[in-house]
PDB file of all heavy atoms in Angstrom:
ATOM      1  N   TRP A   1      -3.285  -0.577   0.536  1.00  0.00           N
ATOM      2  CA  TRP A   1      -3.311  -0.912   1.950  1.00  0.00           C
ATOM      3  C   TRP A   1      -3.441   0.350   2.783  1.00  0.00           C
ATOM      4  O   TRP A   1      -2.811   1.372   2.487  1.00  0.00           O
ATOM      5  CB  TRP A   1      -2.033  -1.653   2.353  1.00  0.00           C
ATOM      6  CG  TRP A   1      -1.893  -2.980   1.695  1.00  0.00           C
ATOM      7  CD1 TRP A   1      -1.253  -3.252   0.515  1.00  0.00           C
ATOM      8  CD2 TRP A   1      -2.400  -4.224   2.170  1.00  0.00           C
ATOM      9  NE1 TRP A   1      -1.343  -4.583   0.223  1.00  0.00           N
ATOM     10  CE2 TRP A   1      -2.043  -5.212   1.237  1.00  0.00           C
ATOM     11  CE3 TRP A   1      -3.124  -4.610   3.299  1.00  0.00           C
ATOM     12  CZ2 TRP A   1      -2.378  -6.555   1.385  1.00  0.00           C
ATOM     13  CZ3 TRP A   1      -3.457  -5.945   3.450  1.00  0.00           C
ATOM     14  CH2 TRP A   1      -3.095  -6.905   2.516  1.00  0.00           C
ATOM     15  N   TYR A   2      -4.244   0.247   3.828  1.00  0.00           N
ATOM     16  CA  TYR A   2      -4.368   1.250   4.866  1.00  0.00           C
ATOM     17  C   TYR A   2      -4.104   0.553   6.189  1.00  0.00           C
ATOM     18  O   TYR A   2      -4.103  -0.665   6.274  1.00  0.00           O
ATOM     19  CB  TYR A   2      -5.773   1.853   4.872  1.00  0.00           C
ATOM     20  CG  TYR A   2      -6.084   2.735   3.694  1.00  0.00           C
ATOM     21  CD1 TYR A   2      -6.324   2.208   2.439  1.00  0.00           C
ATOM     22  CD2 TYR A   2      -6.157   4.124   3.849  1.00  0.00           C
ATOM     23  CE1 TYR A   2      -6.606   3.020   1.352  1.00  0.00           C
ATOM     24  CE2 TYR A   2      -6.457   4.953   2.775  1.00  0.00           C
ATOM     25  CZ  TYR A   2      -6.677   4.388   1.531  1.00  0.00           C
ATOM     26  OH  TYR A   2      -6.975   5.203   0.463  1.00  0.00           O
ATOM     27  N   ARG A   3      -3.897   1.352   7.236  1.00  0.00           N
ATOM     28  CA  ARG A   3      -3.736   0.764   8.568  1.00  0.00           C
ATOM     29  C   ARG A   3      -4.357   1.668   9.610  1.00  0.00           C
ATOM     30  O   ARG A   3      -4.480   2.884   9.410  1.00  0.00           O
ATOM     31  CB  ARG A   3      -2.260   0.510   8.877  1.00  0.00           C
ATOM     32  CG  ARG A   3      -1.419   1.767   9.018  1.00  0.00           C
ATOM     33  CD  ARG A   3       0.054   1.385   9.181  1.00  0.00           C
ATOM     34  NE  ARG A   3       0.904   2.566   9.357  1.00  0.00           N
ATOM     35  CZ  ARG A   3       2.226   2.527   9.395  1.00  0.00           C
ATOM     36  NH1 ARG A   3       2.879   1.357   9.280  1.00  0.00           N
ATOM     37  NH2 ARG A   3       2.925   3.638   9.560  1.00  0.00           N
ATOM     38  N   GLN A   4      -4.735   1.055  10.718  1.00  0.00           N
ATOM     39  CA  GLN A   4      -5.308   1.798  11.828  1.00  0.00           C
ATOM     40  C   GLN A   4      -4.728   1.280  13.127  1.00  0.00           C
ATOM     41  O   GLN A   4      -4.941   0.106  13.488  1.00  0.00           O
ATOM     42  CB  GLN A   4      -6.828   1.696  11.839  1.00  0.00           C
ATOM     43  CG  GLN A   4      -7.490   2.590  12.863  1.00  0.00           C
ATOM     44  CD  GLN A   4      -8.983   2.706  12.650  1.00  0.00           C
ATOM     45  OE1 GLN A   4      -9.603   1.896  11.965  1.00  0.00           O
ATOM     46  NE2 GLN A   4      -9.569   3.749  13.215  1.00  0.00           N
ATOM     47  N   ALA A   5      -4.005   2.152  13.808  1.00  0.00           N
ATOM     48  CA  ALA A   5      -3.440   1.812  15.112  1.00  0.00           C
ATOM     49  C   ALA A   5      -4.453   2.149  16.197  1.00  0.00           C
ATOM     50  O   ALA A   5      -5.339   2.998  15.990  1.00  0.00           O
ATOM     51  CB  ALA A   5      -2.144   2.579  15.322  1.00  0.00           C
ATOM     52  N   PRO A   6      -4.336   1.542  17.371  1.00  0.00           N
ATOM     53  CA  PRO A   6      -5.284   1.820  18.461  1.00  0.00           C
ATOM     54  C   PRO A   6      -5.336   3.308  18.786  1.00  0.00           C
ATOM     55  O   PRO A   6      -4.296   3.950  18.965  1.00  0.00           O
ATOM     56  CB  PRO A   6      -4.709   1.016  19.628  1.00  0.00           C
ATOM     57  CG  PRO A   6      -3.956  -0.087  18.991  1.00  0.00           C
ATOM     58  CD  PRO A   6      -3.374   0.490  17.746  1.00  0.00           C
ATOM     59  N   GLY A   7      -6.543   3.855  18.834  1.00  0.00           N
ATOM     60  CA  GLY A   7      -6.715   5.246  19.197  1.00  0.00           C
ATOM     61  C   GLY A   7      -6.384   6.241  18.107  1.00  0.00           C
ATOM     62  O   GLY A   7      -6.402   7.450  18.352  1.00  0.00           O
ATOM     63  N   LYS A   8      -6.078   5.740  16.904  1.00  0.00           N
ATOM     64  CA  LYS A   8      -5.712   6.635  15.810  1.00  0.00           C
ATOM     65  C   LYS A   8      -6.649   6.446  14.623  1.00  0.00           C
ATOM     66  O   LYS A   8      -7.345   5.438  14.519  1.00  0.00           O
ATOM     67  CB  LYS A   8      -4.270   6.387  15.379  1.00  0.00           C
ATOM     68  CG  LYS A   8      -3.250   6.738  16.446  1.00  0.00           C
ATOM     69  CD  LYS A   8      -1.838   6.636  15.892  1.00  0.00           C
ATOM     70  CE  LYS A   8      -0.814   7.073  16.911  1.00  0.00           C
ATOM     71  NZ  LYS A   8       0.569   7.019  16.376  1.00  0.00           N
ATOM     72  N   GLN A   9      -6.633   7.407  13.729  1.00  0.00           N
ATOM     73  CA  GLN A   9      -7.438   7.302  12.519  1.00  0.00           C
ATOM     74  C   GLN A   9      -6.772   6.362  11.513  1.00  0.00           C
ATOM     75  O   GLN A   9      -5.546   6.174  11.537  1.00  0.00           O
ATOM     76  CB  GLN A   9      -7.622   8.685  11.883  1.00  0.00           C
ATOM     77  CG  GLN A   9      -8.511   9.618  12.674  1.00  0.00           C
ATOM     78  CD  GLN A   9      -8.825  10.894  11.921  1.00  0.00           C
ATOM     79  OE1 GLN A   9      -8.005  11.383  11.145  1.00  0.00           O
ATOM     80  NE2 GLN A   9     -10.016  11.426  12.118  1.00  0.00           N
ATOM     81  N   ARG A  10      -7.589   5.805  10.648  1.00  0.00           N
ATOM     82  CA  ARG A  10      -7.054   4.967   9.585  1.00  0.00           C
ATOM     83  C   ARG A  10      -6.189   5.828   8.664  1.00  0.00           C
ATOM     84  O   ARG A  10      -6.562   6.956   8.324  1.00  0.00           O
ATOM     85  CB  ARG A  10      -8.201   4.325   8.799  1.00  0.00           C
ATOM     86  CG  ARG A  10      -7.766   3.254   7.827  1.00  0.00           C
ATOM     87  CD  ARG A  10      -8.959   2.560   7.213  1.00  0.00           C
ATOM     88  NE  ARG A  10      -9.771   1.870   8.222  1.00  0.00           N
ATOM     89  CZ  ARG A  10     -10.788   1.072   7.918  1.00  0.00           C
ATOM     90  NH1 ARG A  10     -11.111   0.859   6.656  1.00  0.00           N
ATOM     91  NH2 ARG A  10     -11.481   0.496   8.872  1.00  0.00           N
ATOM     92  N   GLU A  11      -5.043   5.287   8.255  1.00  0.00           N
ATOM     93  CA  GLU A  11      -4.145   6.051   7.400  1.00  0.00           C
ATOM     94  C   GLU A  11      -3.713   5.242   6.189  1.00  0.00           C
ATOM     95  O   GLU A  11      -3.619   4.010   6.233  1.00  0.00           O
ATOM     96  CB  GLU A  11      -2.899   6.498   8.188  1.00  0.00           C
ATOM     97  CG  GLU A  11      -2.020   5.374   8.684  1.00  0.00           C
ATOM     98  CD  GLU A  11      -0.745   5.872   9.366  1.00  0.00           C
ATOM     99  OE1 GLU A  11      -0.577   7.097   9.533  1.00  0.00           O
ATOM    100  OE2 GLU A  11       0.080   5.018   9.715  1.00  0.00           O
ATOM    101  N   PHE A  12      -3.423   5.963   5.130  1.00  0.00           N
ATOM    102  CA  PHE A  12      -2.957   5.364   3.887  1.00  0.00           C
ATOM    103  C   PHE A  12      -1.549   4.801   4.069  1.00  0.00           C
ATOM    104  O   PHE A  12      -0.701   5.422   4.715  1.00  0.00           O
ATOM    105  CB  PHE A  12      -2.966   6.435   2.788  1.00  0.00           C
ATOM    106  CG  PHE A  12      -2.245   6.056   1.541  1.00  0.00           C
ATOM    107  CD1 PHE A  12      -2.812   5.194   0.627  1.00  0.00           C
ATOM    108  CD2 PHE A  12      -0.983   6.559   1.282  1.00  0.00           C
ATOM    109  CE1 PHE A  12      -2.139   4.842  -0.531  1.00  0.00           C
ATOM    110  CE2 PHE A  12      -0.300   6.227   0.134  1.00  0.00           C
ATOM    111  CZ  PHE A  12      -0.883   5.363  -0.782  1.00  0.00           C
ATOM    112  N   VAL A  13      -1.299   3.639   3.461  1.00  0.00           N
ATOM    113  CA  VAL A  13       0.034   3.036   3.509  1.00  0.00           C
ATOM    114  C   VAL A  13       0.645   2.999   2.116  1.00  0.00           C
ATOM    115  O   VAL A  13       1.737   3.504   1.897  1.00  0.00           O
ATOM    116  CB  VAL A  13      -0.022   1.618   4.107  1.00  0.00           C
ATOM    117  CG1 VAL A  13       1.355   0.954   4.039  1.00  0.00           C
ATOM    118  CG2 VAL A  13      -0.531   1.650   5.537  1.00  0.00           C
ATOM    119  N   ALA A  14      -0.050   2.370   1.174  1.00  0.00           N
ATOM    120  CA  ALA A  14       0.501   2.226  -0.171  1.00  0.00           C
ATOM    121  C   ALA A  14      -0.622   1.855  -1.128  1.00  0.00           C
ATOM    122  O   ALA A  14      -1.646   1.306  -0.718  1.00  0.00           O
ATOM    123  CB  ALA A  14       1.590   1.157  -0.198  1.00  0.00           C
ATOM    124  N   ARG A  15      -0.403   2.146  -2.420  1.00  0.00           N
ATOM    125  CA  ARG A  15      -1.363   1.749  -3.430  1.00  0.00           C
ATOM    126  C   ARG A  15      -0.641   1.416  -4.725  1.00  0.00           C
ATOM    127  O   ARG A  15       0.488   1.858  -4.950  1.00  0.00           O
ATOM    128  CB  ARG A  15      -2.408   2.827  -3.661  1.00  0.00           C
ATOM    129  CG  ARG A  15      -1.932   4.011  -4.472  1.00  0.00           C
ATOM    130  CD  ARG A  15      -3.093   4.947  -4.760  1.00  0.00           C
ATOM    131  NE  ARG A  15      -2.797   5.864  -5.846  1.00  0.00           N
ATOM    132  CZ  ARG A  15      -3.677   6.728  -6.324  1.00  0.00           C
ATOM    133  NH1 ARG A  15      -4.897   6.791  -5.824  1.00  0.00           N
ATOM    134  NH2 ARG A  15      -3.358   7.518  -7.322  1.00  0.00           N
ATOM    135  N   ILE A  16      -1.321   0.658  -5.580  1.00  0.00           N
ATOM    136  CA  ILE A  16      -0.754   0.258  -6.858  1.00  0.00           C
ATOM    137  C   ILE A  16      -1.881   0.136  -7.865  1.00  0.00           C
ATOM    138  O   ILE A  16      -2.985  -0.296  -7.526  1.00  0.00           O
ATOM    139  CB  ILE A  16       0.023  -1.080  -6.700  1.00  0.00           C
ATOM    140  CG1 ILE A  16       0.755  -1.457  -7.982  1.00  0.00           C
ATOM    141  CG2 ILE A  16      -0.901  -2.212  -6.250  1.00  0.00           C
ATOM    142  CD1 ILE A  16       1.742  -2.610  -7.785  1.00  0.00           C
ATOM    143  N   ASP A  17      -1.624   0.527  -9.115  1.00  0.00           N
ATOM    144  CA  ASP A  17      -2.647   0.356 -10.142  1.00  0.00           C
ATOM    145  C   ASP A  17      -2.285  -0.828 -11.036  1.00  0.00           C
ATOM    146  O   ASP A  17      -1.254  -1.488 -10.830  1.00  0.00           O
ATOM    147  CB  ASP A  17      -2.874   1.637 -10.926  1.00  0.00           C
ATOM    148  CG  ASP A  17      -1.678   2.042 -11.787  1.00  0.00           C
ATOM    149  OD1 ASP A  17      -0.773   1.216 -12.006  1.00  0.00           O
ATOM    150  OD2 ASP A  17      -1.655   3.199 -12.250  1.00  0.00           O
ATOM    151  N   ARG A  18      -3.104  -1.094 -12.026  1.00  0.00           N
ATOM    152  CA  ARG A  18      -2.895  -2.275 -12.857  1.00  0.00           C
ATOM    153  C   ARG A  18      -1.626  -2.159 -13.702  1.00  0.00           C
ATOM    154  O   ARG A  18      -1.100  -3.167 -14.167  1.00  0.00           O
ATOM    155  CB  ARG A  18      -4.108  -2.533 -13.739  1.00  0.00           C
ATOM    156  CG  ARG A  18      -5.304  -3.104 -12.982  1.00  0.00           C
ATOM    157  CD  ARG A  18      -6.443  -3.456 -13.926  1.00  0.00           C
ATOM    158  NE  ARG A  18      -6.033  -4.447 -14.897  1.00  0.00           N
ATOM    159  CZ  ARG A  18      -6.077  -5.755 -14.688  1.00  0.00           C
ATOM    160  NH1 ARG A  18      -6.492  -6.236 -13.530  1.00  0.00           N
ATOM    161  NH2 ARG A  18      -5.703  -6.595 -15.641  1.00  0.00           N
ATOM    162  N   GLY A  19      -1.160  -0.915 -13.875  1.00  0.00           N
ATOM    163  CA  GLY A  19       0.078  -0.709 -14.607  1.00  0.00           C
ATOM    164  C   GLY A  19       1.303  -0.693 -13.716  1.00  0.00           C
ATOM    165  O   GLY A  19       2.389  -0.311 -14.150  1.00  0.00           O
ATOM    166  N   ASP A  20       1.118  -1.080 -12.449  1.00  0.00           N
ATOM    167  CA  ASP A  20       2.193  -1.154 -11.448  1.00  0.00           C
ATOM    168  C   ASP A  20       2.729   0.211 -11.031  1.00  0.00           C
ATOM    169  O   ASP A  20       3.852   0.315 -10.524  1.00  0.00           O
ATOM    170  CB  ASP A  20       3.351  -2.044 -11.920  1.00  0.00           C
ATOM    171  CG  ASP A  20       2.961  -3.517 -11.959  1.00  0.00           C
ATOM    172  OD1 ASP A  20       2.034  -3.900 -11.218  1.00  0.00           O
ATOM    173  OD2 ASP A  20       3.578  -4.273 -12.724  1.00  0.00           O
ATOM    174  N   MET A  21       1.951   1.267 -11.241  1.00  0.00           N
ATOM    175  CA  MET A  21       2.315   2.571 -10.680  1.00  0.00           C
ATOM    176  C   MET A  21       2.019   2.519  -9.183  1.00  0.00           C
ATOM    177  O   MET A  21       0.933   2.127  -8.768  1.00  0.00           O
ATOM    178  CB  MET A  21       1.476   3.669 -11.321  1.00  0.00           C
ATOM    179  CG  MET A  21       1.858   5.061 -10.893  1.00  0.00           C
ATOM    180  SD  MET A  21       3.347   5.661 -11.706  1.00  0.00           S
ATOM    181  CE  MET A  21       2.713   5.891 -13.359  1.00  0.00           C
ATOM    182  N   THR A  22       3.002   2.943  -8.371  1.00  0.00           N
ATOM    183  CA  THR A  22       2.866   2.835  -6.915  1.00  0.00           C
ATOM    184  C   THR A  22       2.975   4.185  -6.219  1.00  0.00           C
ATOM    185  O   THR A  22       3.585   5.133  -6.738  1.00  0.00           O
ATOM    186  CB  THR A  22       3.937   1.899  -6.338  1.00  0.00           C
ATOM    187  OG1 THR A  22       5.235   2.429  -6.651  1.00  0.00           O
ATOM    188  CG2 THR A  22       3.818   0.500  -6.910  1.00  0.00           C
ATOM    189  N   ASN A  23       2.373   4.266  -5.035  1.00  0.00           N
ATOM    190  CA  ASN A  23       2.517   5.401  -4.143  1.00  0.00           C
ATOM    191  C   ASN A  23       2.656   4.863  -2.728  1.00  0.00           C
ATOM    192  O   ASN A  23       2.020   3.851  -2.394  1.00  0.00           O
ATOM    193  CB  ASN A  23       1.294   6.326  -4.213  1.00  0.00           C
ATOM    194  CG  ASN A  23       1.133   6.967  -5.562  1.00  0.00           C
ATOM    195  OD1 ASN A  23       0.361   6.495  -6.380  1.00  0.00           O
ATOM    196  ND2 ASN A  23       1.875   8.031  -5.806  1.00  0.00           N
ATOM    197  N   TYR A  24       3.444   5.555  -1.912  1.00  0.00           N
ATOM    198  CA  TYR A  24       3.665   5.138  -0.527  1.00  0.00           C
ATOM    199  C   TYR A  24       3.520   6.313   0.423  1.00  0.00           C
ATOM    200  O   TYR A  24       3.829   7.456   0.079  1.00  0.00           O
ATOM    201  CB  TYR A  24       5.076   4.577  -0.351  1.00  0.00           C
ATOM    202  CG  TYR A  24       5.355   3.310  -1.110  1.00  0.00           C
ATOM    203  CD1 TYR A  24       5.900   3.337  -2.390  1.00  0.00           C
ATOM    204  CD2 TYR A  24       5.088   2.064  -0.542  1.00  0.00           C
ATOM    205  CE1 TYR A  24       6.161   2.175  -3.085  1.00  0.00           C
ATOM    206  CE2 TYR A  24       5.351   0.888  -1.227  1.00  0.00           C
ATOM    207  CZ  TYR A  24       5.880   0.959  -2.499  1.00  0.00           C
ATOM    208  OH  TYR A  24       6.141  -0.210  -3.186  1.00  0.00           O
ATOM    209  N   ALA A  25       3.102   6.013   1.637  1.00  0.00           N
ATOM    210  CA  ALA A  25       3.169   6.986   2.706  1.00  0.00           C
ATOM    211  C   ALA A  25       4.637   7.221   3.048  1.00  0.00           C
ATOM    212  O   ALA A  25       5.457   6.294   2.972  1.00  0.00           O
ATOM    213  CB  ALA A  25       2.420   6.480   3.936  1.00  0.00           C
ATOM    214  N   ASP A  26       4.973   8.435   3.432  1.00  0.00           N
ATOM    215  CA  ASP A  26       6.365   8.754   3.762  1.00  0.00           C
ATOM    216  C   ASP A  26       6.898   7.856   4.872  1.00  0.00           C
ATOM    217  O   ASP A  26       8.076   7.513   4.890  1.00  0.00           O
ATOM    218  CB  ASP A  26       6.480  10.218   4.182  1.00  0.00           C
ATOM    219  CG  ASP A  26       6.324  11.170   3.012  1.00  0.00           C
ATOM    220  OD1 ASP A  26       6.444  10.719   1.852  1.00  0.00           O
ATOM    221  OD2 ASP A  26       6.087  12.371   3.259  1.00  0.00           O
ATOM    222  N   SER A  27       6.037   7.477   5.781  1.00  0.00           N
ATOM    223  CA  SER A  27       6.459   6.699   6.943  1.00  0.00           C
ATOM    224  C   SER A  27       6.930   5.289   6.596  1.00  0.00           C
ATOM    225  O   SER A  27       7.591   4.634   7.401  1.00  0.00           O
ATOM    226  CB  SER A  27       5.339   6.623   7.971  1.00  0.00           C
ATOM    227  OG  SER A  27       4.191   6.022   7.388  1.00  0.00           O
ATOM    228  N   VAL A  28       6.583   4.800   5.399  1.00  0.00           N
ATOM    229  CA  VAL A  28       6.948   3.430   5.038  1.00  0.00           C
ATOM    230  C   VAL A  28       7.866   3.357   3.821  1.00  0.00           C
ATOM    231  O   VAL A  28       8.338   2.268   3.470  1.00  0.00           O
ATOM    232  CB  VAL A  28       5.699   2.556   4.794  1.00  0.00           C
ATOM    233  CG1 VAL A  28       4.754   2.622   5.980  1.00  0.00           C
ATOM    234  CG2 VAL A  28       4.983   2.950   3.505  1.00  0.00           C
ATOM    235  N   LYS A  29       8.146   4.484   3.193  1.00  0.00           N
ATOM    236  CA  LYS A  29       9.016   4.487   2.012  1.00  0.00           C
ATOM    237  C   LYS A  29      10.382   3.890   2.338  1.00  0.00           C
ATOM    238  O   LYS A  29      10.974   4.204   3.368  1.00  0.00           O
ATOM    239  CB  LYS A  29       9.191   5.915   1.496  1.00  0.00           C
ATOM    240  CG  LYS A  29       8.035   6.418   0.669  1.00  0.00           C
ATOM    241  CD  LYS A  29       8.316   7.830   0.159  1.00  0.00           C
ATOM    242  CE  LYS A  29       7.147   8.361  -0.630  1.00  0.00           C
ATOM    243  NZ  LYS A  29       7.348   9.767  -1.058  1.00  0.00           N
ATOM    244  N   GLY A  30      10.839   3.021   1.461  1.00  0.00           N
ATOM    245  CA  GLY A  30      12.128   2.380   1.664  1.00  0.00           C
ATOM    246  C   GLY A  30      12.072   1.143   2.526  1.00  0.00           C
ATOM    247  O   GLY A  30      13.054   0.388   2.596  1.00  0.00           O
ATOM    248  N   ARG A  31      10.939   0.900   3.193  1.00  0.00           N
ATOM    249  CA  ARG A  31      10.807  -0.289   4.047  1.00  0.00           C
ATOM    250  C   ARG A  31       9.726  -1.236   3.523  1.00  0.00           C
ATOM    251  O   ARG A  31       9.865  -2.458   3.644  1.00  0.00           O
ATOM    252  CB  ARG A  31      10.467   0.123   5.473  1.00  0.00           C
ATOM    253  CG  ARG A  31      11.516   0.998   6.121  1.00  0.00           C
ATOM    254  CD  ARG A  31      11.212   1.209   7.618  1.00  0.00           C
ATOM    255  NE  ARG A  31       9.941   1.877   7.838  1.00  0.00           N
ATOM    256  CZ  ARG A  31       8.941   1.363   8.547  1.00  0.00           C
ATOM    257  NH1 ARG A  31       9.062   0.180   9.108  1.00  0.00           N
ATOM    258  NH2 ARG A  31       7.819   2.050   8.707  1.00  0.00           N
ATOM    259  N   PHE A  32       8.652  -0.683   2.980  1.00  0.00           N
ATOM    260  CA  PHE A  32       7.536  -1.488   2.480  1.00  0.00           C
ATOM    261  C   PHE A  32       7.538  -1.468   0.953  1.00  0.00           C
ATOM    262  O   PHE A  32       7.882  -0.458   0.339  1.00  0.00           O
ATOM    263  CB  PHE A  32       6.203  -0.926   2.960  1.00  0.00           C
ATOM    264  CG  PHE A  32       5.947  -1.061   4.434  1.00  0.00           C
ATOM    265  CD1 PHE A  32       6.929  -1.464   5.323  1.00  0.00           C
ATOM    266  CD2 PHE A  32       4.686  -0.781   4.948  1.00  0.00           C
ATOM    267  CE1 PHE A  32       6.681  -1.587   6.690  1.00  0.00           C
ATOM    268  CE2 PHE A  32       4.412  -0.894   6.297  1.00  0.00           C
ATOM    269  CZ  PHE A  32       5.412  -1.288   7.170  1.00  0.00           C
ATOM    270  N   THR A  33       7.117  -2.584   0.370  1.00  0.00           N
ATOM    271  CA  THR A  33       6.986  -2.678  -1.076  1.00  0.00           C
ATOM    272  C   THR A  33       5.640  -3.283  -1.414  1.00  0.00           C
ATOM    273  O   THR A  33       5.308  -4.374  -0.932  1.00  0.00           O
ATOM    274  CB  THR A  33       8.105  -3.543  -1.678  1.00  0.00           C
ATOM    275  OG1 THR A  33       9.374  -2.991  -1.345  1.00  0.00           O
ATOM    276  CG2 THR A  33       7.968  -3.592  -3.200  1.00  0.00           C
ATOM    277  N   ILE A  34       4.876  -2.583  -2.243  1.00  0.00           N
ATOM    278  CA  ILE A  34       3.594  -3.096  -2.708  1.00  0.00           C
ATOM    279  C   ILE A  34       3.774  -3.656  -4.117  1.00  0.00           C
ATOM    280  O   ILE A  34       4.524  -3.097  -4.925  1.00  0.00           O
ATOM    281  CB  ILE A  34       2.505  -2.003  -2.673  1.00  0.00           C
ATOM    282  CG1 ILE A  34       1.122  -2.614  -2.910  1.00  0.00           C
ATOM    283  CG2 ILE A  34       2.812  -0.868  -3.637  1.00  0.00           C
ATOM    284  CD1 ILE A  34      -0.021  -1.646  -2.639  1.00  0.00           C
ATOM    285  N   SER A  35       3.115  -4.762  -4.372  1.00  0.00           N
ATOM    286  CA  SER A  35       3.163  -5.376  -5.693  1.00  0.00           C
ATOM    287  C   SER A  35       1.835  -6.082  -5.946  1.00  0.00           C
ATOM    288  O   SER A  35       1.030  -6.254  -5.014  1.00  0.00           O
ATOM    289  CB  SER A  35       4.327  -6.366  -5.794  1.00  0.00           C
ATOM    290  OG  SER A  35       4.186  -7.413  -4.852  1.00  0.00           O
ATOM    291  N   ARG A  36       1.612  -6.485  -7.188  1.00  0.00           N
ATOM    292  CA  ARG A  36       0.366  -7.177  -7.481  1.00  0.00           C
ATOM    293  C   ARG A  36       0.576  -8.199  -8.577  1.00  0.00           C
ATOM    294  O   ARG A  36       1.469  -8.058  -9.416  1.00  0.00           O
ATOM    295  CB  ARG A  36      -0.759  -6.206  -7.831  1.00  0.00           C
ATOM    296  CG  ARG A  36      -0.580  -5.436  -9.109  1.00  0.00           C
ATOM    297  CD  ARG A  36      -1.643  -4.356  -9.265  1.00  0.00           C
ATOM    298  NE  ARG A  36      -2.959  -4.904  -9.579  1.00  0.00           N
ATOM    299  CZ  ARG A  36      -4.091  -4.181  -9.581  1.00  0.00           C
ATOM    300  NH1 ARG A  36      -4.048  -2.907  -9.265  1.00  0.00           N
ATOM    301  NH2 ARG A  36      -5.246  -4.749  -9.882  1.00  0.00           N
ATOM    302  N   ASP A  37      -0.277  -9.204  -8.555  1.00  0.00           N
ATOM    303  CA  ASP A  37      -0.324 -10.219  -9.592  1.00  0.00           C
ATOM    304  C   ASP A  37      -1.698 -10.099 -10.231  1.00  0.00           C
ATOM    305  O   ASP A  37      -2.699 -10.550  -9.649  1.00  0.00           O
ATOM    306  CB  ASP A  37      -0.105 -11.607  -8.981  1.00  0.00           C
ATOM    307  CG  ASP A  37      -0.051 -12.714 -10.020  1.00  0.00           C
ATOM    308  OD1 ASP A  37      -0.644 -12.541 -11.102  1.00  0.00           O
ATOM    309  OD2 ASP A  37       0.565 -13.744  -9.737  1.00  0.00           O
ATOM    310  N   ASN A  38      -1.773  -9.474 -11.388  1.00  0.00           N
ATOM    311  CA  ASN A  38      -3.069  -9.220 -12.010  1.00  0.00           C
ATOM    312  C   ASN A  38      -3.779 -10.514 -12.412  1.00  0.00           C
ATOM    313  O   ASN A  38      -5.002 -10.583 -12.399  1.00  0.00           O
ATOM    314  CB  ASN A  38      -2.899  -8.315 -13.223  1.00  0.00           C
ATOM    315  CG  ASN A  38      -2.511  -6.906 -12.846  1.00  0.00           C
ATOM    316  OD1 ASN A  38      -2.891  -6.413 -11.783  1.00  0.00           O
ATOM    317  ND2 ASN A  38      -1.732  -6.256 -13.684  1.00  0.00           N
ATOM    318  N   ALA A  39      -3.016 -11.531 -12.753  1.00  0.00           N
ATOM    319  CA  ALA A  39      -3.636 -12.804 -13.138  1.00  0.00           C
ATOM    320  C   ALA A  39      -4.366 -13.447 -11.955  1.00  0.00           C
ATOM    321  O   ALA A  39      -5.329 -14.185 -12.139  1.00  0.00           O
ATOM    322  CB  ALA A  39      -2.574 -13.749 -13.674  1.00  0.00           C
ATOM    323  N   LYS A  40      -3.887 -13.154 -10.746  1.00  0.00           N
ATOM    324  CA  LYS A  40      -4.490 -13.720  -9.529  1.00  0.00           C
ATOM    325  C   LYS A  40      -5.351 -12.702  -8.790  1.00  0.00           C
ATOM    326  O   LYS A  40      -5.884 -13.019  -7.720  1.00  0.00           O
ATOM    327  CB  LYS A  40      -3.397 -14.232  -8.594  1.00  0.00           C
ATOM    328  CG  LYS A  40      -2.582 -15.380  -9.158  1.00  0.00           C
ATOM    329  CD  LYS A  40      -1.529 -15.840  -8.157  1.00  0.00           C
ATOM    330  CE  LYS A  40      -0.727 -17.001  -8.702  1.00  0.00           C
ATOM    331  NZ  LYS A  40       0.321 -17.450  -7.732  1.00  0.00           N
ATOM    332  N   ASN A  41      -5.475 -11.483  -9.322  1.00  0.00           N
ATOM    333  CA  ASN A  41      -6.227 -10.413  -8.642  1.00  0.00           C
ATOM    334  C   ASN A  41      -5.759 -10.256  -7.192  1.00  0.00           C
ATOM    335  O   ASN A  41      -6.573 -10.089  -6.272  1.00  0.00           O
ATOM    336  CB  ASN A  41      -7.734 -10.689  -8.668  1.00  0.00           C
ATOM    337  CG  ASN A  41      -8.296 -10.705 -10.071  1.00  0.00           C
ATOM    338  OD1 ASN A  41      -7.868  -9.933 -10.925  1.00  0.00           O
ATOM    339  ND2 ASN A  41      -9.233 -11.602 -10.328  1.00  0.00           N
ATOM    340  N   THR A  42      -4.464 -10.302  -6.999  1.00  0.00           N
ATOM    341  CA  THR A  42      -3.895 -10.301  -5.655  1.00  0.00           C
ATOM    342  C   THR A  42      -2.866  -9.184  -5.515  1.00  0.00           C
ATOM    343  O   THR A  42      -2.063  -8.955  -6.427  1.00  0.00           O
ATOM    344  CB  THR A  42      -3.243 -11.656  -5.341  1.00  0.00           C
ATOM    345  OG1 THR A  42      -4.246 -12.679  -5.385  1.00  0.00           O
ATOM    346  CG2 THR A  42      -2.612 -11.650  -3.955  1.00  0.00           C
ATOM    347  N   VAL A  43      -2.913  -8.515  -4.378  1.00  0.00           N
ATOM    348  CA  VAL A  43      -1.941  -7.486  -4.043  1.00  0.00           C
ATOM    349  C   VAL A  43      -1.162  -7.952  -2.815  1.00  0.00           C
ATOM    350  O   VAL A  43      -1.712  -8.631  -1.942  1.00  0.00           O
ATOM    351  CB  VAL A  43      -2.621  -6.127  -3.797  1.00  0.00           C
ATOM    352  CG1 VAL A  43      -3.530  -6.162  -2.583  1.00  0.00           C
ATOM    353  CG2 VAL A  43      -1.594  -5.019  -3.657  1.00  0.00           C
TER     354      VAL A  43
END
């Protein structure tokens, strides 16, 4: 996931790979959780 606020550049939020390895932007750590269902190809 990325996000873009009005008047700002698009920024990274979080990512996950098929092995459930995750990375987060510092601004959302502890508040946002990324997950995926590989059987449904859904994040």
